[in-house]
Amino acid sequence: MSGMALRGWARTFANGTVVAKLEALNARHPWSHNDHFHSWILANLPERRHSALDVGCGRGELLASLAPHFATVQGADADASMRELAAQRCSGLANVTVQAGEWARTSGPFDLVTMIAVLHHLDVANALRDVRRLLAPNGKFLAVDLAVPSSLRDHAWDLASAVTNPIIGYVKHPWPNPAGKQPPPFPVRDPTQTFDELRDIVDDVMPGAEMRHHLGFRHTIAWTKR
């Protein structure tokens, strides 16, 4: 069975009843696929921890998590409402700043640069070159992102993520999500490149980088500048 056939079968099985039930469970027990990977980032921090930059910092959750580990932490986001929320969240953290403007023009170097669900919003090759330039020697780039599934491997991970998504949501949030005011949504853009296409770009700009699939419809990129 091809990758496309595998995904199509999952969506048409039992006239779509299974998928509809999974989506209903997802709505009752939602969880943040992006915040879920904060622990992965914290487990892979560089040895030297003077400065960190989180590109696309959103509401500032990761900034707050990085603050105890670095002398200075900078957040950058193109969306003004996200910057405002991040600044509010980190208002009591003296070593955290949230900036406007182009992140690539930030004065480095940084021991850590992070991106969560950001890279597919950017020109990947140019963004990776900017990260490479901003990193200090032995600095780390840690990214979590999305890609278009194309290979059988990609679709297998996609299907596994669809099946486990409500299970993870139930474990994280056993009680159904109450209706009510929700936080402002993140800017959303669908990915346009496949995992293998990204792999080629990453290999060219960041030789030796490690890319891995994960549940939650995500993959990770880890690279140390030598």
N, C-alpha and C. Protein backbone atom coordinates (compact mmCIF):
# COMPACT_ATOMS: atom_id res chain seq x y z
N MET A 1 0.85 -1.20 0.00
CA MET A 1 0.00 0.00 0.00
C MET A 1 0.88 1.24 0.00
N SER A 2 0.62 2.18 -0.90
CA SER A 2 1.43 3.40 -0.98
C SER A 2 1.10 4.33 0.17
N GLY A 3 1.97 5.37 0.34
CA GLY A 3 1.73 6.33 1.40
C GLY A 3 0.40 7.04 1.25
N MET A 4 0.07 7.49 0.01
CA MET A 4 -1.19 8.18 -0.22
C MET A 4 -2.36 7.26 0.05
N ALA A 5 -2.22 6.00 -0.36
CA ALA A 5 -3.30 5.04 -0.14
C ALA A 5 -3.51 4.79 1.35
N LEU A 6 -2.40 4.76 2.11
CA LEU A 6 -2.49 4.54 3.55
C LEU A 6 -3.27 5.65 4.22
N ARG A 7 -2.96 6.90 3.86
CA ARG A 7 -3.66 8.03 4.46
C ARG A 7 -5.13 8.05 4.03
N GLY A 8 -5.37 7.76 2.76
CA GLY A 8 -6.74 7.73 2.27
C GLY A 8 -7.57 6.65 2.94
N TRP A 9 -6.96 5.49 3.15
CA TRP A 9 -7.67 4.41 3.83
C TRP A 9 -8.06 4.83 5.24
N ALA A 10 -7.14 5.51 5.93
CA ALA A 10 -7.42 5.93 7.31
C ALA A 10 -8.60 6.89 7.36
N ARG A 11 -8.74 7.73 6.33
CA ARG A 11 -9.80 8.73 6.35
C ARG A 11 -11.14 8.22 5.83
N THR A 12 -11.13 7.09 5.13
CA THR A 12 -12.38 6.56 4.60
C THR A 12 -12.83 5.29 5.32
N PHE A 13 -11.98 4.76 6.19
CA PHE A 13 -12.34 3.54 6.90
C PHE A 13 -13.66 3.73 7.66
N ALA A 14 -14.56 2.77 7.49
CA ALA A 14 -15.87 2.81 8.16
C ALA A 14 -16.60 4.11 7.85
N ASN A 15 -16.50 4.54 6.57
CA ASN A 15 -17.18 5.76 6.12
C ASN A 15 -16.76 7.00 6.91
N GLY A 16 -15.53 6.99 7.38
CA GLY A 16 -15.02 8.15 8.10
C GLY A 16 -15.44 8.18 9.56
N THR A 17 -16.14 7.17 10.04
CA THR A 17 -16.63 7.18 11.42
C THR A 17 -15.49 7.21 12.42
N VAL A 18 -14.44 6.42 12.17
CA VAL A 18 -13.31 6.36 13.09
C VAL A 18 -12.63 7.72 13.19
N VAL A 19 -12.39 8.34 12.04
CA VAL A 19 -11.74 9.65 12.04
C VAL A 19 -12.60 10.68 12.75
N ALA A 20 -13.91 10.64 12.52
CA ALA A 20 -14.82 11.59 13.17
C ALA A 20 -14.77 11.43 14.69
N LYS A 21 -14.71 10.19 15.15
CA LYS A 21 -14.64 9.96 16.60
C LYS A 21 -13.31 10.43 17.18
N LEU A 22 -12.23 10.19 16.44
CA LEU A 22 -10.93 10.68 16.91
C LEU A 22 -10.91 12.19 16.99
N GLU A 23 -11.50 12.85 16.01
CA GLU A 23 -11.53 14.32 16.02
C GLU A 23 -12.39 14.84 17.17
N ALA A 24 -13.47 14.13 17.47
CA ALA A 24 -14.31 14.53 18.60
C ALA A 24 -13.54 14.40 19.92
N LEU A 25 -12.77 13.32 20.06
CA LEU A 25 -11.95 13.14 21.26
C LEU A 25 -10.88 14.23 21.35
N ASN A 26 -10.28 14.58 20.21
CA ASN A 26 -9.28 15.63 20.20
C ASN A 26 -9.86 16.94 20.72
N ALA A 27 -11.09 17.24 20.31
CA ALA A 27 -11.73 18.48 20.74
C ALA A 27 -12.04 18.48 22.23
N ARG A 28 -12.36 17.30 22.78
CA ARG A 28 -12.69 17.20 24.21
C ARG A 28 -11.44 17.20 25.08
N HIS A 29 -10.34 16.73 24.54
CA HIS A 29 -9.10 16.63 25.32
C HIS A 29 -7.92 17.22 24.51
N PRO A 30 -7.96 18.52 24.24
CA PRO A 30 -6.91 19.12 23.40
C PRO A 30 -5.59 19.22 24.16
N TRP A 31 -4.51 19.22 23.41
CA TRP A 31 -3.19 19.43 24.00
C TRP A 31 -2.31 20.16 23.00
N SER A 32 -1.34 20.88 23.51
CA SER A 32 -0.47 21.68 22.65
C SER A 32 0.66 20.80 22.11
N HIS A 33 0.63 20.53 20.82
CA HIS A 33 1.68 19.75 20.20
C HIS A 33 3.03 20.46 20.30
N ASN A 34 3.00 21.78 20.27
CA ASN A 34 4.25 22.53 20.33
C ASN A 34 4.83 22.57 21.75
N ASP A 35 3.99 22.87 22.74
CA ASP A 35 4.47 22.90 24.13
C ASP A 35 4.97 21.52 24.56
N HIS A 36 4.42 20.48 23.97
CA HIS A 36 4.82 19.12 24.31
C HIS A 36 6.32 18.91 24.10
N PHE A 37 6.92 19.66 23.17
CA PHE A 37 8.33 19.46 22.85
C PHE A 37 9.27 20.36 23.65
N HIS A 38 8.74 21.13 24.58
CA HIS A 38 9.61 21.92 25.44
C HIS A 38 10.56 21.02 26.22
N SER A 39 10.07 19.88 26.66
CA SER A 39 10.93 18.96 27.43
C SER A 39 12.07 18.43 26.57
N TRP A 40 11.80 18.23 25.27
CA TRP A 40 12.87 17.78 24.36
C TRP A 40 13.95 18.85 24.25
N ILE A 41 13.54 20.09 24.14
CA ILE A 41 14.51 21.19 24.06
C ILE A 41 15.31 21.29 25.35
N LEU A 42 14.64 21.23 26.49
CA LEU A 42 15.33 21.37 27.77
C LEU A 42 16.29 20.20 28.02
N ALA A 43 16.00 19.06 27.42
CA ALA A 43 16.88 17.89 27.59
C ALA A 43 18.10 17.95 26.66
N ASN A 44 18.12 18.91 25.73
CA ASN A 44 19.20 18.97 24.74
C ASN A 44 19.90 20.33 24.73
N LEU A 45 19.91 21.00 25.85
CA LEU A 45 20.55 22.31 25.92
C LEU A 45 22.07 22.20 25.75
N PRO A 46 22.70 23.26 25.23
CA PRO A 46 24.16 23.24 25.08
C PRO A 46 24.84 23.33 26.44
N GLU A 47 26.12 22.96 26.47
CA GLU A 47 26.85 23.04 27.73
C GLU A 47 27.03 24.49 28.16
N ARG A 48 27.40 25.36 27.25
CA ARG A 48 27.53 26.78 27.58
C ARG A 48 26.16 27.42 27.43
N ARG A 49 25.73 28.15 28.44
CA ARG A 49 24.36 28.68 28.45
C ARG A 49 24.35 30.15 28.84
N HIS A 50 25.02 30.94 28.03
CA HIS A 50 25.00 32.38 28.31
C HIS A 50 23.78 33.04 27.67
N SER A 51 23.53 32.75 26.39
CA SER A 51 22.46 33.47 25.69
C SER A 51 21.64 32.51 24.83
N ALA A 52 20.33 32.78 24.76
CA ALA A 52 19.41 31.96 23.97
C ALA A 52 18.46 32.87 23.21
N LEU A 53 18.08 32.44 22.02
CA LEU A 53 17.12 33.16 21.18
C LEU A 53 16.02 32.19 20.76
N ASP A 54 14.77 32.55 21.06
CA ASP A 54 13.63 31.76 20.60
C ASP A 54 12.93 32.53 19.49
N VAL A 55 13.02 32.00 18.28
CA VAL A 55 12.42 32.66 17.11
C VAL A 55 10.98 32.20 16.98
N GLY A 56 10.05 33.16 16.91
CA GLY A 56 8.63 32.83 16.90
C GLY A 56 8.19 32.42 18.28
N CYS A 57 8.44 33.28 19.25
CA CYS A 57 8.28 32.92 20.67
C CYS A 57 6.82 32.78 21.10
N GLY A 58 5.87 33.21 20.25
CA GLY A 58 4.47 33.05 20.61
C GLY A 58 4.13 33.72 21.93
N ARG A 59 3.44 33.00 22.80
CA ARG A 59 3.00 33.57 24.08
C ARG A 59 4.08 33.56 25.15
N GLY A 60 5.25 33.03 24.83
CA GLY A 60 6.38 33.12 25.75
C GLY A 60 6.57 31.95 26.68
N GLU A 61 5.85 30.85 26.44
CA GLU A 61 5.99 29.70 27.34
C GLU A 61 7.42 29.15 27.35
N LEU A 62 8.02 29.02 26.17
CA LEU A 62 9.38 28.49 26.12
C LEU A 62 10.38 29.48 26.70
N LEU A 63 10.16 30.77 26.48
CA LEU A 63 11.04 31.78 27.08
C LEU A 63 11.10 31.61 28.59
N ALA A 64 9.95 31.43 29.20
CA ALA A 64 9.90 31.26 30.65
C ALA A 64 10.61 29.98 31.08
N SER A 65 10.52 28.94 30.27
CA SER A 65 11.17 27.67 30.61
C SER A 65 12.69 27.76 30.46
N LEU A 66 13.15 28.57 29.50
CA LEU A 66 14.59 28.71 29.28
C LEU A 66 15.24 29.66 30.28
N ALA A 67 14.47 30.57 30.85
CA ALA A 67 15.01 31.62 31.70
C ALA A 67 15.89 31.10 32.85
N PRO A 68 15.53 30.01 33.54
CA PRO A 68 16.39 29.55 34.64
C PRO A 68 17.72 28.98 34.18
N HIS A 69 17.86 28.70 32.89
CA HIS A 69 19.05 28.00 32.39
C HIS A 69 20.04 28.89 31.68
N PHE A 70 19.66 30.14 31.36
CA PHE A 70 20.53 31.03 30.59
C PHE A 70 20.65 32.38 31.27
N ALA A 71 21.80 33.02 31.06
CA ALA A 71 21.98 34.37 31.61
C ALA A 71 21.03 35.36 30.96
N THR A 72 20.87 35.24 29.62
CA THR A 72 19.94 36.10 28.90
C THR A 72 19.14 35.27 27.91
N VAL A 73 17.87 35.60 27.77
CA VAL A 73 16.97 34.92 26.83
C VAL A 73 16.23 35.99 26.04
N GLN A 74 16.28 35.89 24.72
CA GLN A 74 15.56 36.82 23.86
C GLN A 74 14.49 36.08 23.08
N GLY A 75 13.34 36.72 22.95
CA GLY A 75 12.27 36.17 22.14
C GLY A 75 11.96 37.11 20.99
N ALA A 76 11.62 36.55 19.85
CA ALA A 76 11.26 37.35 18.69
C ALA A 76 10.02 36.76 18.05
N ASP A 77 9.11 37.62 17.63
CA ASP A 77 7.90 37.14 16.96
C ASP A 77 7.40 38.23 16.02
N ALA A 78 6.97 37.81 14.84
CA ALA A 78 6.49 38.77 13.86
C ALA A 78 5.12 39.33 14.21
N ASP A 79 4.39 38.63 15.09
CA ASP A 79 3.02 39.02 15.43
C ASP A 79 3.02 39.87 16.69
N ALA A 80 2.50 41.08 16.60
CA ALA A 80 2.53 42.02 17.72
C ALA A 80 1.73 41.50 18.92
N SER A 81 0.59 40.84 18.67
CA SER A 81 -0.22 40.33 19.78
C SER A 81 0.52 39.22 20.53
N MET A 82 1.28 38.39 19.80
CA MET A 82 2.07 37.35 20.45
C MET A 82 3.19 37.97 21.29
N ARG A 83 3.85 38.99 20.76
CA ARG A 83 4.92 39.66 21.52
C ARG A 83 4.37 40.25 22.81
N GLU A 84 3.18 40.83 22.72
CA GLU A 84 2.58 41.43 23.92
C GLU A 84 2.29 40.37 24.98
N LEU A 85 1.74 39.23 24.55
CA LEU A 85 1.45 38.16 25.48
C LEU A 85 2.73 37.58 26.08
N ALA A 86 3.76 37.43 25.25
CA ALA A 86 5.04 36.92 25.74
C ALA A 86 5.65 37.86 26.76
N ALA A 87 5.59 39.16 26.48
CA ALA A 87 6.14 40.14 27.41
C ALA A 87 5.39 40.12 28.73
N GLN A 88 4.07 39.95 28.67
CA GLN A 88 3.28 39.86 29.90
C GLN A 88 3.66 38.62 30.70
N ARG A 89 3.78 37.49 30.01
CA ARG A 89 4.11 36.24 30.71
C ARG A 89 5.48 36.32 31.39
N CYS A 90 6.42 37.00 30.75
CA CYS A 90 7.79 37.02 31.26
C CYS A 90 8.13 38.33 31.97
N SER A 91 7.12 39.09 32.35
CA SER A 91 7.36 40.42 32.93
C SER A 91 8.17 40.35 34.23
N GLY A 92 8.09 39.25 34.94
CA GLY A 92 8.84 39.12 36.19
C GLY A 92 10.19 38.47 36.04
N LEU A 93 10.61 38.22 34.81
CA LEU A 93 11.89 37.57 34.55
C LEU A 93 12.86 38.60 33.99
N ALA A 94 13.81 39.03 34.83
CA ALA A 94 14.69 40.13 34.45
C ALA A 94 15.62 39.79 33.30
N ASN A 95 15.87 38.51 33.07
CA ASN A 95 16.83 38.13 32.02
C ASN A 95 16.15 37.80 30.70
N VAL A 96 14.85 38.09 30.59
CA VAL A 96 14.10 37.79 29.36
C VAL A 96 13.66 39.09 28.70
N THR A 97 13.92 39.21 27.40
CA THR A 97 13.43 40.34 26.62
C THR A 97 12.70 39.83 25.39
N VAL A 98 11.69 40.59 24.96
CA VAL A 98 10.93 40.25 23.75
C VAL A 98 11.08 41.40 22.78
N GLN A 99 11.52 41.10 21.56
CA GLN A 99 11.86 42.15 20.62
C GLN A 99 10.96 42.14 19.39
N ALA A 100 10.82 43.32 18.82
CA ALA A 100 10.16 43.45 17.52
C ALA A 100 11.25 43.48 16.45
N GLY A 101 10.84 43.50 15.21
CA GLY A 101 11.81 43.59 14.14
C GLY A 101 12.30 42.23 13.67
N GLU A 102 13.23 42.25 12.73
CA GLU A 102 13.74 41.04 12.11
C GLU A 102 14.67 40.30 13.07
N TRP A 103 14.32 39.06 13.36
CA TRP A 103 15.16 38.28 14.27
C TRP A 103 16.55 38.04 13.70
N ALA A 104 16.64 37.93 12.37
CA ALA A 104 17.93 37.64 11.74
C ALA A 104 18.92 38.78 11.92
N ARG A 105 18.43 39.98 12.27
CA ARG A 105 19.32 41.13 12.47
C ARG A 105 19.72 41.28 13.93
N THR A 106 19.31 40.34 14.75
CA THR A 106 19.67 40.38 16.16
C THR A 106 21.18 40.23 16.32
N SER A 107 21.72 40.93 17.31
CA SER A 107 23.14 40.80 17.58
C SER A 107 23.41 39.52 18.35
N GLY A 108 24.18 38.64 17.76
CA GLY A 108 24.58 37.41 18.42
C GLY A 108 25.92 37.61 19.11
N PRO A 109 26.65 36.55 19.37
CA PRO A 109 26.22 35.18 19.07
C PRO A 109 25.36 34.61 20.18
N PHE A 110 24.66 33.51 19.87
CA PHE A 110 23.82 32.82 20.84
C PHE A 110 24.31 31.39 21.04
N ASP A 111 24.16 30.93 22.25
CA ASP A 111 24.51 29.54 22.54
C ASP A 111 23.38 28.59 22.16
N LEU A 112 22.19 29.14 22.02
CA LEU A 112 21.03 28.34 21.62
C LEU A 112 20.08 29.18 20.78
N VAL A 113 19.64 28.62 19.67
CA VAL A 113 18.55 29.21 18.89
C VAL A 113 17.48 28.15 18.75
N THR A 114 16.25 28.50 19.06
CA THR A 114 15.13 27.56 18.98
C THR A 114 14.05 28.09 18.05
N MET A 115 13.35 27.15 17.43
CA MET A 115 12.17 27.46 16.61
C MET A 115 11.17 26.33 16.81
N ILE A 116 9.96 26.68 17.18
CA ILE A 116 8.90 25.68 17.30
C ILE A 116 7.78 26.05 16.35
N ALA A 117 7.56 25.20 15.36
CA ALA A 117 6.53 25.41 14.33
C ALA A 117 6.68 26.77 13.65
N VAL A 118 7.92 27.12 13.37
CA VAL A 118 8.24 28.41 12.75
C VAL A 118 8.91 28.24 11.40
N LEU A 119 9.77 27.26 11.29
CA LEU A 119 10.63 27.15 10.11
C LEU A 119 9.83 27.07 8.80
N HIS A 120 8.67 26.40 8.84
CA HIS A 120 7.88 26.27 7.60
C HIS A 120 7.19 27.58 7.21
N HIS A 121 7.25 28.59 8.07
CA HIS A 121 6.76 29.93 7.72
C HIS A 121 7.82 30.73 6.96
N LEU A 122 9.05 30.26 6.96
CA LEU A 122 10.18 31.03 6.46
C LEU A 122 10.76 30.40 5.19
N ASP A 123 11.63 31.16 4.54
CA ASP A 123 12.47 30.57 3.51
C ASP A 123 13.51 29.72 4.24
N VAL A 124 13.39 28.40 4.13
CA VAL A 124 14.14 27.50 4.99
C VAL A 124 15.65 27.68 4.84
N ALA A 125 16.14 27.68 3.62
CA ALA A 125 17.59 27.79 3.42
C ALA A 125 18.14 29.09 4.00
N ASN A 126 17.47 30.21 3.72
CA ASN A 126 17.94 31.49 4.24
C ASN A 126 17.86 31.53 5.75
N ALA A 127 16.78 30.99 6.32
CA ALA A 127 16.63 30.99 7.77
C ALA A 127 17.73 30.16 8.44
N LEU A 128 18.03 29.01 7.87
CA LEU A 128 19.08 28.16 8.45
C LEU A 128 20.44 28.84 8.36
N ARG A 129 20.70 29.54 7.26
CA ARG A 129 21.97 30.26 7.15
C ARG A 129 22.05 31.37 8.20
N ASP A 130 20.93 32.05 8.44
CA ASP A 130 20.92 33.09 9.48
C ASP A 130 21.18 32.48 10.86
N VAL A 131 20.56 31.34 11.12
CA VAL A 131 20.79 30.66 12.41
C VAL A 131 22.25 30.28 12.55
N ARG A 132 22.81 29.71 11.49
CA ARG A 132 24.22 29.31 11.51
C ARG A 132 25.13 30.49 11.83
N ARG A 133 24.80 31.65 11.25
CA ARG A 133 25.60 32.85 11.49
C ARG A 133 25.46 33.36 12.92
N LEU A 134 24.27 33.25 13.48
CA LEU A 134 24.01 33.79 14.82
C LEU A 134 24.54 32.89 15.94
N LEU A 135 24.74 31.63 15.65
CA LEU A 135 25.19 30.71 16.69
C LEU A 135 26.65 30.92 17.03
N ALA A 136 26.96 30.82 18.31
CA ALA A 136 28.35 30.81 18.77
C ALA A 136 28.95 29.45 18.48
N PRO A 137 30.27 29.35 18.43
CA PRO A 137 30.88 28.02 18.29
C PRO A 137 30.37 27.07 19.38
N ASN A 138 30.02 25.88 18.99
CA ASN A 138 29.43 24.87 19.87
C ASN A 138 28.02 25.23 20.32
N GLY A 139 27.45 26.28 19.70
CA GLY A 139 26.05 26.60 19.99
C GLY A 139 25.13 25.61 19.30
N LYS A 140 23.90 25.51 19.79
CA LYS A 140 22.94 24.53 19.28
C LYS A 140 21.74 25.20 18.63
N PHE A 141 21.28 24.56 17.58
CA PHE A 141 20.00 24.90 16.96
C PHE A 141 19.05 23.74 17.21
N LEU A 142 17.92 24.03 17.85
CA LEU A 142 16.91 23.02 18.14
C LEU A 142 15.57 23.51 17.57
N ALA A 143 15.01 22.73 16.67
CA ALA A 143 13.77 23.12 16.01
C ALA A 143 12.77 21.99 16.02
N VAL A 144 11.51 22.37 16.10
CA VAL A 144 10.38 21.45 15.98
C VAL A 144 9.51 21.99 14.86
N ASP A 145 9.14 21.14 13.91
CA ASP A 145 8.37 21.68 12.80
C ASP A 145 7.47 20.63 12.17
N LEU A 146 6.82 21.03 11.08
CA LEU A 146 5.89 20.19 10.34
C LEU A 146 6.36 20.06 8.91
N ALA A 147 5.93 18.98 8.25
CA ALA A 147 6.25 18.79 6.85
C ALA A 147 5.09 18.09 6.16
N VAL A 148 5.06 18.21 4.85
CA VAL A 148 4.04 17.51 4.06
C VAL A 148 4.41 16.03 3.98
N PRO A 149 3.51 15.13 4.37
CA PRO A 149 3.84 13.70 4.24
C PRO A 149 3.86 13.27 2.77
N SER A 150 4.89 12.52 2.39
CA SER A 150 4.98 12.07 1.00
C SER A 150 5.37 10.60 0.90
N SER A 151 6.34 10.17 1.68
CA SER A 151 6.79 8.78 1.60
C SER A 151 5.92 7.89 2.46
N LEU A 152 6.07 6.59 2.28
CA LEU A 152 5.35 5.63 3.11
C LEU A 152 5.70 5.83 4.58
N ARG A 153 6.97 6.11 4.85
CA ARG A 153 7.41 6.39 6.23
C ARG A 153 6.67 7.59 6.81
N ASP A 154 6.58 8.67 6.02
CA ASP A 154 5.89 9.87 6.48
C ASP A 154 4.44 9.58 6.82
N HIS A 155 3.77 8.84 5.94
CA HIS A 155 2.36 8.56 6.15
C HIS A 155 2.15 7.61 7.32
N ALA A 156 3.09 6.72 7.55
CA ALA A 156 2.98 5.83 8.72
C ALA A 156 3.05 6.64 10.00
N TRP A 157 3.97 7.61 10.05
CA TRP A 157 4.05 8.49 11.22
C TRP A 157 2.80 9.36 11.34
N ASP A 158 2.27 9.80 10.20
CA ASP A 158 1.06 10.61 10.19
C ASP A 158 -0.12 9.83 10.77
N LEU A 159 -0.24 8.58 10.34
CA LEU A 159 -1.33 7.73 10.83
C LEU A 159 -1.15 7.43 12.31
N ALA A 160 0.08 7.12 12.72
CA ALA A 160 0.34 6.86 14.13
C ALA A 160 0.02 8.08 14.98
N SER A 161 0.33 9.26 14.46
CA SER A 161 0.02 10.49 15.19
C SER A 161 -1.48 10.71 15.32
N ALA A 162 -2.22 10.41 14.24
CA ALA A 162 -3.67 10.57 14.27
C ALA A 162 -4.31 9.64 15.30
N VAL A 163 -3.80 8.42 15.38
CA VAL A 163 -4.37 7.44 16.30
C VAL A 163 -4.02 7.76 17.75
N THR A 164 -2.78 8.18 17.99
CA THR A 164 -2.34 8.43 19.37
C THR A 164 -2.70 9.81 19.88
N ASN A 165 -3.05 10.73 18.98
CA ASN A 165 -3.33 12.10 19.38
C ASN A 165 -4.38 12.20 20.49
N PRO A 166 -5.56 11.56 20.37
CA PRO A 166 -6.54 11.67 21.45
C PRO A 166 -6.11 10.94 22.71
N ILE A 167 -5.31 9.90 22.57
CA ILE A 167 -4.83 9.17 23.74
C ILE A 167 -3.91 10.06 24.56
N ILE A 168 -2.97 10.72 23.88
CA ILE A 168 -2.08 11.64 24.57
C ILE A 168 -2.88 12.78 25.21
N GLY A 169 -3.87 13.28 24.47
CA GLY A 169 -4.71 14.35 25.01
C GLY A 169 -5.44 13.92 26.27
N TYR A 170 -5.94 12.68 26.26
CA TYR A 170 -6.67 12.18 27.44
C TYR A 170 -5.73 12.03 28.63
N VAL A 171 -4.51 11.54 28.38
CA VAL A 171 -3.54 11.37 29.47
C VAL A 171 -3.15 12.72 30.05
N LYS A 172 -2.93 13.71 29.17
CA LYS A 172 -2.53 15.03 29.64
C LYS A 172 -3.68 15.79 30.30
N HIS A 173 -4.90 15.60 29.75
CA HIS A 173 -6.07 16.33 30.26
C HIS A 173 -7.25 15.37 30.37
N PRO A 174 -7.32 14.61 31.47
CA PRO A 174 -8.40 13.61 31.62
C PRO A 174 -9.79 14.21 31.60
N TRP A 175 -9.92 15.45 32.09
CA TRP A 175 -11.24 16.06 32.13
C TRP A 175 -11.52 16.79 30.83
N PRO A 176 -12.73 16.66 30.30
CA PRO A 176 -13.07 17.33 29.03
C PRO A 176 -12.82 18.82 29.10
N ASN A 177 -12.40 19.39 27.98
CA ASN A 177 -12.11 20.81 27.91
C ASN A 177 -13.40 21.62 28.04
N PRO A 178 -13.49 22.52 29.03
CA PRO A 178 -14.72 23.32 29.17
C PRO A 178 -14.83 24.35 28.07
N ALA A 179 -16.05 24.62 27.67
CA ALA A 179 -16.28 25.67 26.68
C ALA A 179 -16.04 27.02 27.34
N GLY A 180 -15.59 27.96 26.61
CA GLY A 180 -15.34 29.28 27.17
C GLY A 180 -14.30 30.03 26.37
N LYS A 181 -13.81 31.10 26.95
CA LYS A 181 -12.85 31.95 26.25
C LYS A 181 -11.54 31.20 26.02
N GLN A 182 -11.08 31.24 24.80
CA GLN A 182 -9.83 30.60 24.44
C GLN A 182 -8.77 31.66 24.20
N PRO A 183 -7.47 31.33 24.42
CA PRO A 183 -6.42 32.31 24.14
C PRO A 183 -6.33 32.62 22.66
N PRO A 184 -5.78 33.78 22.31
CA PRO A 184 -5.66 34.13 20.89
C PRO A 184 -4.91 33.03 20.13
N PRO A 185 -5.38 32.67 18.94
CA PRO A 185 -4.73 31.60 18.19
C PRO A 185 -3.39 32.04 17.62
N PHE A 186 -2.50 31.06 17.45
CA PHE A 186 -1.22 31.34 16.81
C PHE A 186 -1.43 31.54 15.32
N PRO A 187 -0.60 32.37 14.69
CA PRO A 187 -0.64 32.44 13.23
C PRO A 187 -0.35 31.06 12.64
N VAL A 188 -1.15 30.63 11.69
CA VAL A 188 -1.04 29.28 11.15
C VAL A 188 -0.74 29.33 9.66
N ARG A 189 0.17 28.46 9.24
CA ARG A 189 0.46 28.28 7.82
C ARG A 189 0.77 26.81 7.59
N ASP A 190 0.16 26.23 6.58
CA ASP A 190 0.42 24.82 6.28
C ASP A 190 1.81 24.67 5.68
N PRO A 191 2.50 23.58 6.01
CA PRO A 191 3.81 23.35 5.39
C PRO A 191 3.67 23.06 3.91
N THR A 192 4.70 23.36 3.15
CA THR A 192 4.67 23.13 1.70
C THR A 192 5.78 22.18 1.25
N GLN A 193 6.71 21.85 2.13
CA GLN A 193 7.83 20.97 1.76
C GLN A 193 7.73 19.65 2.50
N THR A 194 8.25 18.61 1.86
CA THR A 194 8.24 17.30 2.47
C THR A 194 9.43 17.15 3.42
N PHE A 195 9.38 16.11 4.23
CA PHE A 195 10.49 15.81 5.15
C PHE A 195 11.79 15.62 4.37
N ASP A 196 11.74 14.87 3.28
CA ASP A 196 12.94 14.61 2.50
C ASP A 196 13.48 15.86 1.83
N GLU A 197 12.59 16.75 1.37
CA GLU A 197 13.04 18.02 0.80
C GLU A 197 13.74 18.87 1.86
N LEU A 198 13.17 18.90 3.05
CA LEU A 198 13.79 19.63 4.15
C LEU A 198 15.13 19.00 4.51
N ARG A 199 15.17 17.68 4.51
CA ARG A 199 16.40 16.97 4.83
C ARG A 199 17.54 17.40 3.91
N ASP A 200 17.25 17.54 2.62
CA ASP A 200 18.27 17.96 1.66
C ASP A 200 18.78 19.37 1.97
N ILE A 201 17.86 20.27 2.32
CA ILE A 201 18.27 21.65 2.63
C ILE A 201 19.09 21.70 3.91
N VAL A 202 18.62 20.99 4.92
CA VAL A 202 19.33 20.96 6.20
C VAL A 202 20.73 20.37 6.03
N ASP A 203 20.84 19.29 5.28
CA ASP A 203 22.15 18.67 5.05
C ASP A 203 23.12 19.63 4.36
N ASP A 204 22.58 20.46 3.48
CA ASP A 204 23.42 21.40 2.75
C ASP A 204 23.91 22.54 3.63
N VAL A 205 23.03 23.08 4.48
CA VAL A 205 23.38 24.25 5.29
C VAL A 205 23.98 23.85 6.63
N MET A 206 23.50 22.76 7.20
CA MET A 206 23.93 22.31 8.53
C MET A 206 24.36 20.85 8.48
N PRO A 207 25.51 20.57 7.88
CA PRO A 207 25.95 19.18 7.77
C PRO A 207 26.04 18.50 9.13
N GLY A 208 25.53 17.27 9.19
CA GLY A 208 25.57 16.53 10.43
C GLY A 208 24.36 16.73 11.32
N ALA A 209 23.43 17.60 10.90
CA ALA A 209 22.22 17.82 11.70
C ALA A 209 21.40 16.53 11.78
N GLU A 210 20.71 16.37 12.89
CA GLU A 210 19.88 15.19 13.11
C GLU A 210 18.41 15.56 12.96
N MET A 211 17.71 14.88 12.06
CA MET A 211 16.28 15.08 11.87
C MET A 211 15.55 13.80 12.21
N ARG A 212 14.47 13.92 12.99
CA ARG A 212 13.72 12.75 13.40
C ARG A 212 12.22 13.02 13.36
N HIS A 213 11.46 11.99 12.96
CA HIS A 213 10.00 12.05 13.07
C HIS A 213 9.60 11.84 14.52
N HIS A 214 8.45 12.41 14.88
CA HIS A 214 7.87 12.22 16.21
C HIS A 214 6.36 12.13 16.09
N LEU A 215 5.75 11.56 17.11
CA LEU A 215 4.30 11.63 17.20
C LEU A 215 3.88 13.09 17.40
N GLY A 216 2.61 13.37 17.10
CA GLY A 216 2.15 14.75 17.18
C GLY A 216 2.32 15.49 15.88
N PHE A 217 2.53 14.75 14.78
CA PHE A 217 2.67 15.35 13.45
C PHE A 217 3.87 16.30 13.39
N ARG A 218 4.92 16.01 14.11
CA ARG A 218 6.07 16.88 14.18
C ARG A 218 7.36 16.12 13.86
N HIS A 219 8.38 16.89 13.49
CA HIS A 219 9.74 16.36 13.40
C HIS A 219 10.66 17.34 14.12
N THR A 220 11.84 16.88 14.49
CA THR A 220 12.80 17.73 15.17
C THR A 220 14.08 17.83 14.36
N ILE A 221 14.76 18.95 14.55
CA ILE A 221 16.07 19.19 13.95
C ILE A 221 17.01 19.61 15.07
N ALA A 222 18.15 18.95 15.16
CA ALA A 222 19.16 19.30 16.17
C ALA A 222 20.51 19.41 15.49
N TRP A 223 21.19 20.54 15.71
CA TRP A 223 22.50 20.75 15.10
C TRP A 223 23.38 21.56 16.03
N THR A 224 24.65 21.15 16.11
CA THR A 224 25.65 21.88 16.89
C THR A 224 26.67 22.50 15.95
N LYS A 225 26.90 23.77 16.09
CA LYS A 225 27.87 24.47 15.24
C LYS A 225 29.28 24.18 15.70
N ARG A 226 30.09 23.67 14.80
CA ARG A 226 31.48 23.35 15.13
C ARG A 226 32.43 24.39 14.55
